[in-house]
Amino acid sequence: MTDKTALIQPDRGQDAIAIHLVNADGFEAWAKGLSTPQRAALAAQKFTGKGYQTAIVPDSGKDGPGWFAVGGVADPADLSSWCLAKLAEVLPAGTYRRVDGPSGAALYGWQTAQYRFARYKDDKDAEGPRVLLTKDAAAIPAAVAEAEATAMVRDLVNLPAEDMGPEQLEAVAADLAREFGAKLTVTRGDALEKGFPMVHAVGRAAARSHAPRMIELEWGANDAPRLAVVGKGVCFDSGGLDIKTGSSMALMKKDMGGAAHALALARLIMNARLKVRLHVMVPAVENAVAGNAFRPGDVLKSRKGLTVEITNTDAEGRLVLGDALAKASEDGAGLIVDFATLTGAARVALGPDLPGLFAREDATAQALLDAGTAHDDPVWRLPLHEGYREMMASDIADLVNSASGGFAGATTAALFLDRFVGDGIDWAHFDTFAWRPAAKPGRPKGGAALGLRAAWHMLQGRYVD
């Protein structure tokens, strides 16, 4: 992971290459101030000020490198997170400054555009680093923290299951505990079977090196408002005995994307010393196929005491989350936020960019929607429709783990989770994809943080000092 601190620096008048931003409406007026050779250079590069267009323009001044950069944006006066991202991807290594205004939100995208996952392949052709100077030095720590959290999600999701199994997820949590002085608790083996029976059932078929466990972090003052963050940590999902096809299994290393979001959000919370009593829970398992795998038709007893008839072993994420949500509720959380790569139904409905958001409280949902919109991390609310609870009814148990018929799959999954959250607790659930199938400026193909910034900025607004 690139050192994000090095990519943004305070502007103290250092030598730097100029960046100009212009939009299509203002391009002609702006270009009138240029020389004939400069306008010809822009024409040769077909630059018209449209979004994400970039160009390099010769500059015959005695000082500087002999050129400046120009980028097309929607509105130079109101930059989104991604307005400088394309420039950060294509410009040569060097130091830059925007000369015609502040960079604002674009500080984030400048960093995320330079992310590279090169653990298994040398990125010999990568340019960089590109350093951006800003006069708003006070904005640097927050922008760096968010970019580092995003890179953390990407790194964890991009790792294959052999190198990011339950044991490795535990190691990530242990590193966070050491860094921030948090308490780490890990439940395995017989204690897991007794205390978190659905987690144990889902993960028991995995090899010993990928044995299931419940990972918990606790941090903050005991008298602070209690916040629980839960992340689905299915490090690989074969589908179990209801095995997936090969094409459906290809991306299942990302099924721990919820855990990656939860751990990255925990890092943001602890790094900012948010005034909360934080409880992070990551049920870490591999849904494997073996002689002791849980079966369709089995009835599992949960931590909460509810019994669950297994109608589909490929609907395992909600099982491990159910035990985690029950424990978070027992410990008195005032708010629970969970992240999970839970349903294909959410992706069919919303596509890869938009996490589905479910929430009990309208005010909490609106705060998350507003935070996502304000910080270029949009989410979309889906309903916890009471009328669909009957789809989860079982003839022999308290409920089934997967409704038949295929209707409202994201909602029925969320309604399943809702049964394990304590009465009266404020709860928000993100059904996120955690993956970007095609690159966009500042957002490379691969592991993706979707919903992370929305949650983080909502929490900052809620738990003010």
Foldseek 3Di string as FASTA:
>chain_A
DDQLLQQEDACPPDAAAEEEEAALVCQVVVCVPDDPQQVVQCVVQVDRQHALDKGWGADPDPDHDRIHMYGHDPDPVDDALQRCLSVQQPPAATEYEHDPDFCPNVSLLSRLSQDDDDPPHDPVVGGDDYHYHGNPVVCSVVSSLVNVLFSLLQNQLQDALVCNAPVNLLVLVVVVCVVQVKDKDKAFDPRCCVQFVLLQQQFVFDDPVRGWIKIKIKDADPPFAAEEEEFEAQCAEQQEPLGDDPVVRVSRNNQRSQSSLRSSLVSVCSVVVFHYTYMYIYGTHHRDYDPSHDDQQDWIQGNVRFIAHENTSSQSRLSSLLNVQLVSQVVPHQEYETEGLGDPVQCVVPNQQAWEKEWPDPVLVVLLQVQCVVRVQHYHYDYLDPVCQVQQPDPPTRGYSAGPDPPPRVNNSVNSSVVSHDPPHIYMYTNHNQFDCPDDRSRHGGGGDHSSRSVNVSSCVVRPD
